[in-house]
């Protein structure tokens, strides 16, 4: 009985993973050399990954196509990033990391092409 249940679950997972809408099983770290901190999506289904750029301590935002197979752009804002939000239109907002003793708070918006901060 246990073998039947395992085979049934494996079959359902295989069929579901074959559809383009099932991306939760994708391990992006296999082909993008980053460790995601946060993931978001816009209304078109594009994926946005927030990570730390290797060896820099700076935030890195990567935009992937809706199918998760193509890197559309990467943006290195030039400062540490604690959090990211994406609105339905694809505008990306990042919250810079705060420094010890700093009581200021601000949000930075990346331009639509990901090439810098507006």
PDB file of N, CA and C in Angstrom:
ATOM      1  N   UNK A   1       0.824  -1.201   0.000  1.00  0.00           N
ATOM      2  CA  UNK A   1       0.000   0.000   0.000  1.00  0.00           C
ATOM      3  C   UNK A   1       0.868   1.264   0.000  1.00  0.00           C
ATOM      4  N   UNK A   2       1.941   1.269   0.827  1.00  0.00           N
ATOM      5  CA  UNK A   2       2.813   2.436   0.887  1.00  0.00           C
ATOM      6  C   UNK A   2       3.476   2.696  -0.457  1.00  0.00           C
ATOM      7  N   UNK A   3       3.879   1.646  -1.140  1.00  0.00           N
ATOM      8  CA  UNK A   3       4.497   1.786  -2.455  1.00  0.00           C
ATOM      9  C   UNK A   3       3.518   2.396  -3.439  1.00  0.00           C
ATOM     10  N   UNK A   4       2.245   1.956  -3.399  1.00  0.00           N
ATOM     11  CA  UNK A   4       1.226   2.498  -4.290  1.00  0.00           C
ATOM     12  C   UNK A   4       1.033   3.993  -4.055  1.00  0.00           C
ATOM     13  N   UNK A   5       0.959   4.403  -2.785  1.00  0.00           N
ATOM     14  CA  UNK A   5       0.776   5.818  -2.444  1.00  0.00           C
ATOM     15  C   UNK A   5       1.974   6.632  -2.945  1.00  0.00           C
ATOM     16  N   UNK A   6       3.183   6.141  -2.751  1.00  0.00           N
ATOM     17  CA  UNK A   6       4.383   6.847  -3.212  1.00  0.00           C
ATOM     18  C   UNK A   6       4.378   6.989  -4.728  1.00  0.00           C
ATOM     19  N   UNK A   7       4.030   5.927  -5.435  1.00  0.00           N
ATOM     20  CA  UNK A   7       3.977   5.979  -6.900  1.00  0.00           C
ATOM     21  C   UNK A   7       2.892   6.921  -7.377  1.00  0.00           C
ATOM     22  N   UNK A   8       1.753   6.916  -6.718  1.00  0.00           N
ATOM     23  CA  UNK A   8       0.665   7.819  -7.097  1.00  0.00           C
ATOM     24  C   UNK A   8       1.079   9.273  -6.896  1.00  0.00           C
ATOM     25  N   UNK A   9       1.707   9.576  -5.765  1.00  0.00           N
ATOM     26  CA  UNK A   9       2.154  10.953  -5.512  1.00  0.00           C
ATOM     27  C   UNK A   9       3.227  11.363  -6.506  1.00  0.00           C
ATOM     28  N   UNK A  10       4.142  10.466  -6.827  1.00  0.00           N
ATOM     29  CA  UNK A  10       5.195  10.768  -7.794  1.00  0.00           C
ATOM     30  C   UNK A  10       4.597  11.046  -9.163  1.00  0.00           C
ATOM     31  N   UNK A  11       3.580  10.291  -9.566  1.00  0.00           N
ATOM     32  CA  UNK A  11       2.938  10.487 -10.861  1.00  0.00           C
ATOM     33  C   UNK A  11       2.249  11.837 -10.938  1.00  0.00           C
ATOM     34  N   UNK A  12       1.518  12.193  -9.881  1.00  0.00           N
ATOM     35  CA  UNK A  12       0.834  13.488  -9.849  1.00  0.00           C
ATOM     36  C   UNK A  12       1.847  14.616  -9.906  1.00  0.00           C
ATOM     37  N   UNK A  13       2.930  14.524  -9.158  1.00  0.00           N
ATOM     38  CA  UNK A  13       3.968  15.552  -9.155  1.00  0.00           C
ATOM     39  C   UNK A  13       4.610  15.676 -10.531  1.00  0.00           C
ATOM     40  N   UNK A  14       4.865  14.566 -11.183  1.00  0.00           N
ATOM     41  CA  UNK A  14       5.485  14.591 -12.509  1.00  0.00           C
ATOM     42  C   UNK A  14       4.587  15.260 -13.522  1.00  0.00           C
ATOM     43  N   UNK A  15       3.294  14.953 -13.493  1.00  0.00           N
ATOM     44  CA  UNK A  15       2.351  15.561 -14.426  1.00  0.00           C
ATOM     45  C   UNK A  15       2.225  17.050 -14.150  1.00  0.00           C
ATOM     46  N   UNK A  16       2.108  17.410 -12.878  1.00  0.00           N
ATOM     47  CA  UNK A  16       1.974  18.819 -12.513  1.00  0.00           C
ATOM     48  C   UNK A  16       3.233  19.596 -12.883  1.00  0.00           C
ATOM     49  N   UNK A  17       4.404  19.023 -12.657  1.00  0.00           N
ATOM     50  CA  UNK A  17       5.657  19.712 -12.955  1.00  0.00           C
ATOM     51  C   UNK A  17       5.854  19.903 -14.450  1.00  0.00           C
ATOM     52  N   UNK A  18       5.189  19.120 -15.265  1.00  0.00           N
ATOM     53  CA  UNK A  18       5.335  19.242 -16.713  1.00  0.00           C
ATOM     54  C   UNK A  18       4.596  20.450 -17.262  1.00  0.00           C
ATOM     55  N   UNK A  19       3.667  21.014 -16.497  1.00  0.00           N
ATOM     56  CA  UNK A  19       2.943  22.184 -16.971  1.00  0.00           C
ATOM     57  C   UNK A  19       3.775  23.432 -16.737  1.00  0.00           C
ATOM     58  N   UNK A  20       3.602  24.435 -17.591  1.00  0.00           N
ATOM     59  CA  UNK A  20       4.418  25.651 -17.481  1.00  0.00           C
ATOM     60  C   UNK A  20       4.054  26.479 -16.259  1.00  0.00           C
ATOM     61  N   UNK A  21       2.885  26.252 -15.672  1.00  0.00           N
ATOM     62  CA  UNK A  21       2.469  27.054 -14.533  1.00  0.00           C
ATOM     63  C   UNK A  21       3.068  26.554 -13.223  1.00  0.00           C
ATOM     64  N   UNK A  22       3.680  25.392 -13.211  1.00  0.00           N
ATOM     65  CA  UNK A  22       4.235  24.828 -11.983  1.00  0.00           C
ATOM     66  C   UNK A  22       5.721  25.108 -11.916  1.00  0.00           C
ATOM     67  N   UNK A  23       6.118  26.105 -11.122  1.00  0.00           N
ATOM     68  CA  UNK A  23       7.527  26.479 -11.022  1.00  0.00           C
ATOM     69  C   UNK A  23       8.074  26.317  -9.619  1.00  0.00           C
ATOM     70  N   UNK A  24       7.252  25.881  -8.687  1.00  0.00           N
ATOM     71  CA  UNK A  24       7.725  25.808  -7.309  1.00  0.00           C
ATOM     72  C   UNK A  24       8.815  24.766  -7.124  1.00  0.00           C
ATOM     73  N   UNK A  25       8.896  23.799  -8.013  1.00  0.00           N
ATOM     74  CA  UNK A  25       9.918  22.776  -7.907  1.00  0.00           C
ATOM     75  C   UNK A  25      11.244  23.174  -8.523  1.00  0.00           C
ATOM     76  N   UNK A  26      11.343  24.364  -9.106  1.00  0.00           N
ATOM     77  CA  UNK A  26      12.571  24.805  -9.755  1.00  0.00           C
ATOM     78  C   UNK A  26      13.562  25.285  -8.705  1.00  0.00           C
ATOM     79  N   UNK A  27      14.781  24.799  -8.759  1.00  0.00           N
ATOM     80  CA  UNK A  27      15.832  25.245  -7.852  1.00  0.00           C
ATOM     81  C   UNK A  27      16.699  26.250  -8.607  1.00  0.00           C
ATOM     82  N   UNK A  28      16.380  27.547  -8.461  1.00  0.00           N
ATOM     83  CA  UNK A  28      17.085  28.578  -9.214  1.00  0.00           C
ATOM     84  C   UNK A  28      18.562  28.650  -8.856  1.00  0.00           C
ATOM     85  N   UNK A  29      18.933  28.164  -7.673  1.00  0.00           N
ATOM     86  CA  UNK A  29      20.336  28.229  -7.284  1.00  0.00           C
ATOM     87  C   UNK A  29      21.211  27.321  -8.138  1.00  0.00           C
ATOM     88  N   UNK A  30      20.595  26.417  -8.902  1.00  0.00           N
ATOM     89  CA  UNK A  30      21.371  25.549  -9.782  1.00  0.00           C
ATOM     90  C   UNK A  30      21.963  26.314 -10.957  1.00  0.00           C
ATOM     91  N   UNK A  31      21.303  27.381 -11.403  1.00  0.00           N
ATOM     92  CA  UNK A  31      21.811  28.084 -12.569  1.00  0.00           C
ATOM     93  C   UNK A  31      21.949  29.589 -12.378  1.00  0.00           C
ATOM     94  N   UNK A  32      21.546  30.089 -11.229  1.00  0.00           N
ATOM     95  CA  UNK A  32      21.799  31.486 -10.860  1.00  0.00           C
ATOM     96  C   UNK A  32      22.628  31.423  -9.597  1.00  0.00           C
ATOM     97  N   UNK A  33      23.830  31.949  -9.628  1.00  0.00           N
ATOM     98  CA  UNK A  33      24.731  31.825  -8.486  1.00  0.00           C
ATOM     99  C   UNK A  33      24.389  32.834  -7.392  1.00  0.00           C
ATOM    100  N   UNK A  34      23.191  32.698  -6.827  1.00  0.00           N
ATOM    101  CA  UNK A  34      22.752  33.569  -5.742  1.00  0.00           C
ATOM    102  C   UNK A  34      21.999  32.731  -4.720  1.00  0.00           C
ATOM    103  N   UNK A  35      21.858  33.271  -3.549  1.00  0.00           N
ATOM    104  CA  UNK A  35      21.022  32.664  -2.512  1.00  0.00           C
ATOM    105  C   UNK A  35      19.883  33.630  -2.237  1.00  0.00           C
ATOM    106  N   UNK A  36      18.707  33.377  -2.799  1.00  0.00           N
ATOM    107  CA  UNK A  36      17.590  34.320  -2.651  1.00  0.00           C
ATOM    108  C   UNK A  36      17.193  34.560  -1.208  1.00  0.00           C
ATOM    109  N   UNK A  37      16.932  35.831  -0.905  1.00  0.00           N
ATOM    110  CA  UNK A  37      16.441  36.250   0.396  1.00  0.00           C
ATOM    111  C   UNK A  37      14.923  36.372   0.323  1.00  0.00           C
ATOM    112  N   UNK A  38      14.443  36.833  -0.834  1.00  0.00           N
ATOM    113  CA  UNK A  38      13.019  37.096  -1.015  1.00  0.00           C
ATOM    114  C   UNK A  38      12.669  36.893  -2.474  1.00  0.00           C
ATOM    115  N   UNK A  39      11.428  36.474  -2.752  1.00  0.00           N
ATOM    116  CA  UNK A  39      10.949  36.306  -4.117  1.00  0.00           C
ATOM    117  C   UNK A  39       9.595  36.986  -4.222  1.00  0.00           C
ATOM    118  N   UNK A  40       9.346  37.619  -5.367  1.00  0.00           N
ATOM    119  CA  UNK A  40       8.076  38.307  -5.605  1.00  0.00           C
ATOM    120  C   UNK A  40       7.719  38.131  -7.074  1.00  0.00           C
ATOM    121  N   UNK A  41       6.503  38.518  -7.434  1.00  0.00           N
ATOM    122  CA  UNK A  41       6.050  38.423  -8.810  1.00  0.00           C
ATOM    123  C   UNK A  41       5.194  39.633  -9.156  1.00  0.00           C
ATOM    124  N   UNK A  42       5.084  39.935 -10.433  1.00  0.00           N
ATOM    125  CA  UNK A  42       4.197  41.006 -10.872  1.00  0.00           C
ATOM    126  C   UNK A  42       2.992  40.376 -11.566  1.00  0.00           C
ATOM    127  N   UNK A  43       2.088  41.208 -12.110  1.00  0.00           N
ATOM    128  CA  UNK A  43       0.860  40.681 -12.697  1.00  0.00           C
ATOM    129  C   UNK A  43       1.105  39.880 -13.974  1.00  0.00           C
ATOM    130  N   UNK A  44       2.255  40.062 -14.617  1.00  0.00           N
ATOM    131  CA  UNK A  44       2.557  39.284 -15.822  1.00  0.00           C
ATOM    132  C   UNK A  44       3.164  37.927 -15.479  1.00  0.00           C
ATOM    133  N   UNK A  45       3.471  37.715 -14.199  1.00  0.00           N
ATOM    134  CA  UNK A  45       4.053  36.453 -13.766  1.00  0.00           C
ATOM    135  C   UNK A  45       5.565  36.458 -13.707  1.00  0.00           C
ATOM    136  N   UNK A  46       6.202  37.571 -14.067  1.00  0.00           N
ATOM    137  CA  UNK A  46       7.660  37.657 -13.961  1.00  0.00           C
ATOM    138  C   UNK A  46       8.064  37.485 -12.503  1.00  0.00           C
ATOM    139  N   UNK A  47       9.196  36.837 -12.291  1.00  0.00           N
ATOM    140  CA  UNK A  47       9.696  36.574 -10.942  1.00  0.00           C
ATOM    141  C   UNK A  47      10.827  37.533 -10.613  1.00  0.00           C
ATOM    142  N   UNK A  48      10.850  38.013  -9.388  1.00  0.00           N
ATOM    143  CA  UNK A  48      11.899  38.909  -8.910  1.00  0.00           C
ATOM    144  C   UNK A  48      12.544  38.258  -7.699  1.00  0.00           C
ATOM    145  N   UNK A  49      13.853  38.120  -7.737  1.00  0.00           N
ATOM    146  CA  UNK A  49      14.598  37.528  -6.635  1.00  0.00           C
ATOM    147  C   UNK A  49      15.481  38.582  -5.994  1.00  0.00           C
ATOM    148  N   UNK A  50      15.410  38.711  -4.691  1.00  0.00           N
ATOM    149  CA  UNK A  50      16.300  39.586  -3.946  1.00  0.00           C
ATOM    150  C   UNK A  50      17.344  38.701  -3.296  1.00  0.00           C
ATOM    151  N   UNK A  51      18.596  39.053  -3.472  1.00  0.00           N
ATOM    152  CA  UNK A  51      19.688  38.288  -2.879  1.00  0.00           C
ATOM    153  C   UNK A  51      20.814  39.244  -2.529  1.00  0.00           C
ATOM    154  N   UNK A  52      21.865  38.701  -1.969  1.00  0.00           N
ATOM    155  CA  UNK A  52      23.067  39.482  -1.710  1.00  0.00           C
ATOM    156  C   UNK A  52      24.063  39.136  -2.798  1.00  0.00           C
ATOM    157  N   UNK A  53      24.616  40.160  -3.450  1.00  0.00           N
ATOM    158  CA  UNK A  53      25.616  39.930  -4.498  1.00  0.00           C
ATOM    159  C   UNK A  53      26.837  39.276  -3.862  1.00  0.00           C
ATOM    160  N   UNK A  54      27.297  38.169  -4.410  1.00  0.00           N
ATOM    161  CA  UNK A  54      28.422  37.442  -3.809  1.00  0.00           C
ATOM    162  C   UNK A  54      29.645  38.325  -3.569  1.00  0.00           C
ATOM    163  N   UNK A  55      30.121  38.309  -2.323  1.00  0.00           N
ATOM    164  CA  UNK A  55      31.348  39.010  -1.965  1.00  0.00           C
ATOM    165  C   UNK A  55      31.248  40.510  -1.818  1.00  0.00           C
ATOM    166  N   UNK A  56      30.037  41.092  -1.911  1.00  0.00           N
ATOM    167  CA  UNK A  56      29.928  42.546  -1.857  1.00  0.00           C
ATOM    168  C   UNK A  56      29.175  43.068  -0.644  1.00  0.00           C
ATOM    169  N   UNK A  57      28.209  42.296  -0.151  1.00  0.00           N
ATOM    170  CA  UNK A  57      27.337  42.781   0.912  1.00  0.00           C
ATOM    171  C   UNK A  57      26.230  43.674   0.384  1.00  0.00           C
ATOM    172  N   UNK A  58      26.192  43.900  -0.933  1.00  0.00           N
ATOM    173  CA  UNK A  58      25.161  44.730  -1.564  1.00  0.00           C
ATOM    174  C   UNK A  58      23.983  43.869  -2.002  1.00  0.00           C
ATOM    175  N   UNK A  59      22.820  44.500  -2.098  1.00  0.00           N
ATOM    176  CA  UNK A  59      21.643  43.815  -2.588  1.00  0.00           C
ATOM    177  C   UNK A  59      21.728  43.596  -4.087  1.00  0.00           C
ATOM    178  N   UNK A  60      21.110  42.542  -4.566  1.00  0.00           N
ATOM    179  CA  UNK A  60      21.048  42.216  -5.987  1.00  0.00           C
ATOM    180  C   UNK A  60      19.618  41.820  -6.293  1.00  0.00           C
ATOM    181  N   UNK A  61      18.989  42.493  -7.263  1.00  0.00           N
ATOM    182  CA  UNK A  61      17.636  42.151  -7.690  1.00  0.00           C
ATOM    183  C   UNK A  61      17.740  41.533  -9.083  1.00  0.00           C
ATOM    184  N   UNK A  62      17.159  40.347  -9.237  1.00  0.00           N
ATOM    185  CA  UNK A  62      17.173  39.636 -10.510  1.00  0.00           C
ATOM    186  C   UNK A  62      15.738  39.455 -10.967  1.00  0.00           C
ATOM    187  N   UNK A  63      15.463  39.843 -12.229  1.00  0.00           N
ATOM    188  CA  UNK A  63      14.130  39.640 -12.799  1.00  0.00           C
ATOM    189  C   UNK A  63      14.209  38.474 -13.778  1.00  0.00           C
ATOM    190  N   UNK A  64      13.302  37.502 -13.578  1.00  0.00           N
ATOM    191  CA  UNK A  64      13.227  36.332 -14.443  1.00  0.00           C
ATOM    192  C   UNK A  64      11.930  36.366 -15.235  1.00  0.00           C
ATOM    193  N   UNK A  65      11.948  35.754 -16.403  1.00  0.00           N
ATOM    194  CA  UNK A  65      10.734  35.643 -17.203  1.00  0.00           C
ATOM    195  C   UNK A  65       9.685  34.830 -16.442  1.00  0.00           C
ATOM    196  N   UNK A  66       8.439  34.932 -16.875  1.00  0.00           N
ATOM    197  CA  UNK A  66       7.351  34.245 -16.180  1.00  0.00           C
ATOM    198  C   UNK A  66       7.543  32.739 -16.133  1.00  0.00           C
ATOM    199  N   UNK A  67       8.216  32.178 -17.115  1.00  0.00           N
ATOM    200  CA  UNK A  67       8.450  30.728 -17.089  1.00  0.00           C
ATOM    201  C   UNK A  67       9.674  30.367 -16.263  1.00  0.00           C
ATOM    202  N   UNK A  68      10.398  31.369 -15.759  1.00  0.00           N
ATOM    203  CA  UNK A  68      11.545  31.140 -14.894  1.00  0.00           C
ATOM    204  C   UNK A  68      12.795  30.677 -15.609  1.00  0.00           C
ATOM    205  N   UNK A  69      12.807  30.738 -16.939  1.00  0.00           N
ATOM    206  CA  UNK A  69      13.929  30.201 -17.706  1.00  0.00           C
ATOM    207  C   UNK A  69      14.909  31.242 -18.207  1.00  0.00           C
ATOM    208  N   UNK A  70      14.525  32.524 -18.166  1.00  0.00           N
ATOM    209  CA  UNK A  70      15.364  33.570 -18.742  1.00  0.00           C
ATOM    210  C   UNK A  70      15.581  34.699 -17.748  1.00  0.00           C
ATOM    211  N   UNK A  71      16.831  35.104 -17.562  1.00  0.00           N
ATOM    212  CA  UNK A  71      17.135  36.286 -16.756  1.00  0.00           C
ATOM    213  C   UNK A  71      16.888  37.499 -17.646  1.00  0.00           C
ATOM    214  N   UNK A  72      15.933  38.346 -17.261  1.00  0.00           N
ATOM    215  CA  UNK A  72      15.615  39.542 -18.038  1.00  0.00           C
ATOM    216  C   UNK A  72      16.546  40.689 -17.683  1.00  0.00           C
ATOM    217  N   UNK A  73      16.863  40.840 -16.413  1.00  0.00           N
ATOM    218  CA  UNK A  73      17.860  41.816 -15.971  1.00  0.00           C
ATOM    219  C   UNK A  73      18.266  41.540 -14.536  1.00  0.00           C
ATOM    220  N   UNK A  74      19.398  42.130 -14.169  1.00  0.00           N
ATOM    221  CA  UNK A  74      19.866  42.123 -12.790  1.00  0.00           C
ATOM    222  C   UNK A  74      20.265  43.544 -12.436  1.00  0.00           C
ATOM    223  N   UNK A  75      19.946  43.950 -11.221  1.00  0.00           N
ATOM    224  CA  UNK A  75      20.272  45.295 -10.767  1.00  0.00           C
ATOM    225  C   UNK A  75      21.032  45.216  -9.456  1.00  0.00           C
ATOM    226  N   UNK A  76      22.146  45.914  -9.404  1.00  0.00           N
ATOM    227  CA  UNK A  76      22.961  46.024  -8.198  1.00  0.00           C
ATOM    228  C   UNK A  76      22.881  47.479  -7.753  1.00  0.00           C
ATOM    229  N   UNK A  77      21.927  47.804  -6.845  1.00  0.00           N
ATOM    230  CA  UNK A  77      21.710  49.200  -6.463  1.00  0.00           C
ATOM    231  C   UNK A  77      22.912  49.891  -5.827  1.00  0.00           C
ATOM    232  N   UNK A  78      23.866  49.140  -5.283  1.00  0.00           N
ATOM    233  CA  UNK A  78      25.042  49.761  -4.688  1.00  0.00           C
ATOM    234  C   UNK A  78      24.962  49.944  -3.187  1.00  0.00           C
ATOM    235  N   UNK A  79      24.014  49.268  -2.556  1.00  0.00           N
ATOM    236  CA  UNK A  79      23.877  49.311  -1.107  1.00  0.00           C
ATOM    237  C   UNK A  79      23.218  48.018  -0.647  1.00  0.00           C
ATOM    238  N   UNK A  80      23.350  47.734   0.637  1.00  0.00           N
ATOM    239  CA  UNK A  80      22.687  46.563   1.197  1.00  0.00           C
ATOM    240  C   UNK A  80      21.180  46.738   1.163  1.00  0.00           C
ATOM    241  N   UNK A  81      20.444  45.659   0.939  1.00  0.00           N
ATOM    242  CA  UNK A  81      18.986  45.726   0.846  1.00  0.00           C
ATOM    243  C   UNK A  81      18.389  44.722   1.836  1.00  0.00           C
ATOM    244  N   UNK A  82      17.445  45.213   2.675  1.00  0.00           N
ATOM    245  CA  UNK A  82      16.781  44.345   3.650  1.00  0.00           C
ATOM    246  C   UNK A  82      15.498  43.715   3.115  1.00  0.00           C
ATOM    247  N   UNK A  83      14.788  44.414   2.227  1.00  0.00           N
ATOM    248  CA  UNK A  83      13.499  43.911   1.750  1.00  0.00           C
ATOM    249  C   UNK A  83      13.193  44.477   0.368  1.00  0.00           C
ATOM    250  N   UNK A  84      12.270  43.804  -0.325  1.00  0.00           N
ATOM    251  CA  UNK A  84      11.874  44.211  -1.662  1.00  0.00           C
ATOM    252  C   UNK A  84      10.360  44.039  -1.799  1.00  0.00           C
ATOM    253  N   UNK A  85       9.740  44.903  -2.589  1.00  0.00           N
ATOM    254  CA  UNK A  85       8.324  44.764  -2.940  1.00  0.00           C
ATOM    255  C   UNK A  85       8.186  45.060  -4.421  1.00  0.00           C
ATOM    256  N   UNK A  86       7.264  44.372  -5.077  1.00  0.00           N
ATOM    257  CA  UNK A  86       7.011  44.577  -6.501  1.00  0.00           C
ATOM    258  C   UNK A  86       5.524  44.833  -6.664  1.00  0.00           C
ATOM    259  N   UNK A  87       5.176  45.922  -7.365  1.00  0.00           N
ATOM    260  CA  UNK A  87       3.758  46.185  -7.593  1.00  0.00           C
ATOM    261  C   UNK A  87       3.302  45.434  -8.846  1.00  0.00           C
ATOM    262  N   UNK A  88       1.993  45.381  -9.113  1.00  0.00           N
ATOM    263  CA  UNK A  88       1.491  44.605 -10.248  1.00  0.00           C
ATOM    264  C   UNK A  88       2.093  45.015 -11.593  1.00  0.00           C
ATOM    265  N   UNK A  89       2.494  46.284 -11.732  1.00  0.00           N
ATOM    266  CA  UNK A  89       3.068  46.765 -12.987  1.00  0.00           C
ATOM    267  C   UNK A  89       4.546  46.447 -13.155  1.00  0.00           C
ATOM    268  N   UNK A  90       5.171  45.857 -12.158  1.00  0.00           N
ATOM    269  CA  UNK A  90       6.579  45.503 -12.252  1.00  0.00           C
ATOM    270  C   UNK A  90       7.532  46.524 -11.683  1.00  0.00           C
ATOM    271  N   UNK A  91       6.999  47.571 -11.032  1.00  0.00           N
ATOM    272  CA  UNK A  91       7.887  48.526 -10.364  1.00  0.00           C
ATOM    273  C   UNK A  91       8.459  47.857  -9.119  1.00  0.00           C
ATOM    274  N   UNK A  92       9.773  47.979  -8.932  1.00  0.00           N
ATOM    275  CA  UNK A  92      10.459  47.322  -7.818  1.00  0.00           C
ATOM    276  C   UNK A  92      10.884  48.374  -6.804  1.00  0.00           C
ATOM    277  N   UNK A  93      10.524  48.139  -5.557  1.00  0.00           N
ATOM    278  CA  UNK A  93      10.882  49.020  -4.456  1.00  0.00           C
ATOM    279  C   UNK A  93      11.754  48.232  -3.492  1.00  0.00           C
ATOM    280  N   UNK A  94      12.872  48.820  -3.076  1.00  0.00           N
ATOM    281  CA  UNK A  94      13.771  48.146  -2.146  1.00  0.00           C
ATOM    282  C   UNK A  94      13.964  49.008  -0.905  1.00  0.00           C
ATOM    283  N   UNK A  95      14.131  48.338   0.233  1.00  0.00           N
ATOM    284  CA  UNK A  95      14.389  49.030   1.481  1.00  0.00           C
ATOM    285  C   UNK A  95      15.859  48.825   1.830  1.00  0.00           C
ATOM    286  N   UNK A  96      16.636  49.890   1.760  1.00  0.00           N
ATOM    287  CA  UNK A  96      18.059  49.763   2.086  1.00  0.00           C
ATOM    288  C   UNK A  96      18.281  49.282   3.508  1.00  0.00           C
ATOM    289  N   UNK A  97      19.357  48.526   3.690  1.00  0.00           N
ATOM    290  CA  UNK A  97      19.735  48.053   5.022  1.00  0.00           C
ATOM    291  C   UNK A  97      20.091  49.258   5.883  1.00  0.00           C
ATOM    292  N   UNK A  98      19.691  49.219   7.129  1.00  0.00           N
ATOM    293  CA  UNK A  98      20.013  50.327   8.038  1.00  0.00           C
ATOM    294  C   UNK A  98      21.345  50.061   8.725  1.00  0.00           C
ATOM    295  N   UNK A  99      21.996  51.132   9.060  1.00  0.00           N
ATOM    296  CA  UNK A  99      23.267  51.061   9.775  1.00  0.00           C
ATOM    297  C   UNK A  99      23.007  51.257  11.263  1.00  0.00           C
ATOM    298  N   UNK A 100      23.885  50.746  12.081  1.00  0.00           N
ATOM    299  CA  UNK A 100      23.745  50.901  13.535  1.00  0.00           C
ATOM    300  C   UNK A 100      23.649  52.384  13.897  1.00  0.00           C
ATOM    301  N   UNK A 101      22.653  52.736  14.672  1.00  0.00           N
ATOM    302  CA  UNK A 101      22.467  54.112  15.121  1.00  0.00           C
ATOM    303  C   UNK A 101      21.728  54.995  14.129  1.00  0.00           C
ATOM    304  N   UNK A 102      21.452  54.508  12.936  1.00  0.00           N
ATOM    305  CA  UNK A 102      20.744  55.289  11.909  1.00  0.00           C
ATOM    306  C   UNK A 102      19.249  55.163  12.148  1.00  0.00           C
ATOM    307  N   UNK A 103      18.573  56.281  12.349  1.00  0.00           N
ATOM    308  CA  UNK A 103      17.137  56.263  12.601  1.00  0.00           C
ATOM    309  C   UNK A 103      16.331  56.674  11.374  1.00  0.00           C
ATOM    310  N   UNK A 104      16.997  56.965  10.264  1.00  0.00           N
ATOM    311  CA  UNK A 104      16.272  57.355   9.058  1.00  0.00           C
ATOM    312  C   UNK A 104      15.690  56.116   8.384  1.00  0.00           C
ATOM    313  N   UNK A 105      14.658  56.343   7.567  1.00  0.00           N
ATOM    314  CA  UNK A 105      13.985  55.264   6.864  1.00  0.00           C
ATOM    315  C   UNK A 105      13.616  55.773   5.486  1.00  0.00           C
ATOM    316  N   UNK A 106      13.988  55.043   4.455  1.00  0.00           N
ATOM    317  CA  UNK A 106      13.588  55.436   3.118  1.00  0.00           C
ATOM    318  C   UNK A 106      13.478  54.212   2.226  1.00  0.00           C
ATOM    319  N   UNK A 107      12.791  54.392   1.114  1.00  0.00           N
ATOM    320  CA  UNK A 107      12.568  53.340   0.125  1.00  0.00           C
ATOM    321  C   UNK A 107      13.149  53.829  -1.196  1.00  0.00           C
ATOM    322  N   UNK A 108      13.802  52.947  -1.920  1.00  0.00           N
ATOM    323  CA  UNK A 108      14.344  53.292  -3.237  1.00  0.00           C
ATOM    324  C   UNK A 108      13.562  52.531  -4.303  1.00  0.00           C
ATOM    325  N   UNK A 109      13.336  53.180  -5.438  1.00  0.00           N
ATOM    326  CA  UNK A 109      12.613  52.549  -6.545  1.00  0.00           C
ATOM    327  C   UNK A 109      13.598  52.294  -7.677  1.00  0.00           C
ATOM    328  N   UNK A 110      13.611  51.074  -8.184  1.00  0.00           N
ATOM    329  CA  UNK A 110      14.447  50.746  -9.334  1.00  0.00           C
ATOM    330  C   UNK A 110      13.707  51.121 -10.603  1.00  0.00           C
ATOM    331  N   UNK A 111      14.446  51.550 -11.628  1.00  0.00           N
ATOM    332  CA  UNK A 111      13.769  51.866 -12.876  1.00  0.00           C
ATOM    333  C   UNK A 111      13.296  50.592 -13.552  1.00  0.00           C
ATOM    334  N   UNK A 112      12.396  50.717 -14.515  1.00  0.00           N
ATOM    335  CA  UNK A 112      11.717  49.573 -15.119  1.00  0.00           C
ATOM    336  C   UNK A 112      12.679  48.585 -15.781  1.00  0.00           C
ATOM    337  N   UNK A 113      13.801  49.060 -16.291  1.00  0.00           N
ATOM    338  CA  UNK A 113      14.759  48.171 -16.938  1.00  0.00           C
ATOM    339  C   UNK A 113      15.767  47.572 -15.981  1.00  0.00           C
ATOM    340  N   UNK A 114      15.691  47.964 -14.709  1.00  0.00           N
ATOM    341  CA  UNK A 114      16.589  47.411 -13.708  1.00  0.00           C
ATOM    342  C   UNK A 114      18.002  47.964 -13.758  1.00  0.00           C
ATOM    343  N   UNK A 115      18.219  49.047 -14.518  1.00  0.00           N
ATOM    344  CA  UNK A 115      19.573  49.544 -14.669  1.00  0.00           C
ATOM    345  C   UNK A 115      19.984  50.575 -13.633  1.00  0.00           C
ATOM    346  N   UNK A 116      19.152  50.840 -12.652  1.00  0.00           N
ATOM    347  CA  UNK A 116      19.549  51.779 -11.620  1.00  0.00           C
ATOM    348  C   UNK A 116      18.394  52.214 -10.744  1.00  0.00           C
ATOM    349  N   UNK A 117      18.726  53.060  -9.785  1.00  0.00           N
ATOM    350  CA  UNK A 117      17.738  53.598  -8.849  1.00  0.00           C
ATOM    351  C   UNK A 117      17.208  54.905  -9.401  1.00  0.00           C
ATOM    352  N   UNK A 118      15.880  55.075  -9.351  1.00  0.00           N
ATOM    353  CA  UNK A 118      15.275  56.335  -9.785  1.00  0.00           C
ATOM    354  C   UNK A 118      15.417  57.387  -8.720  1.00  0.00           C
TER     355      UNK A 118
END
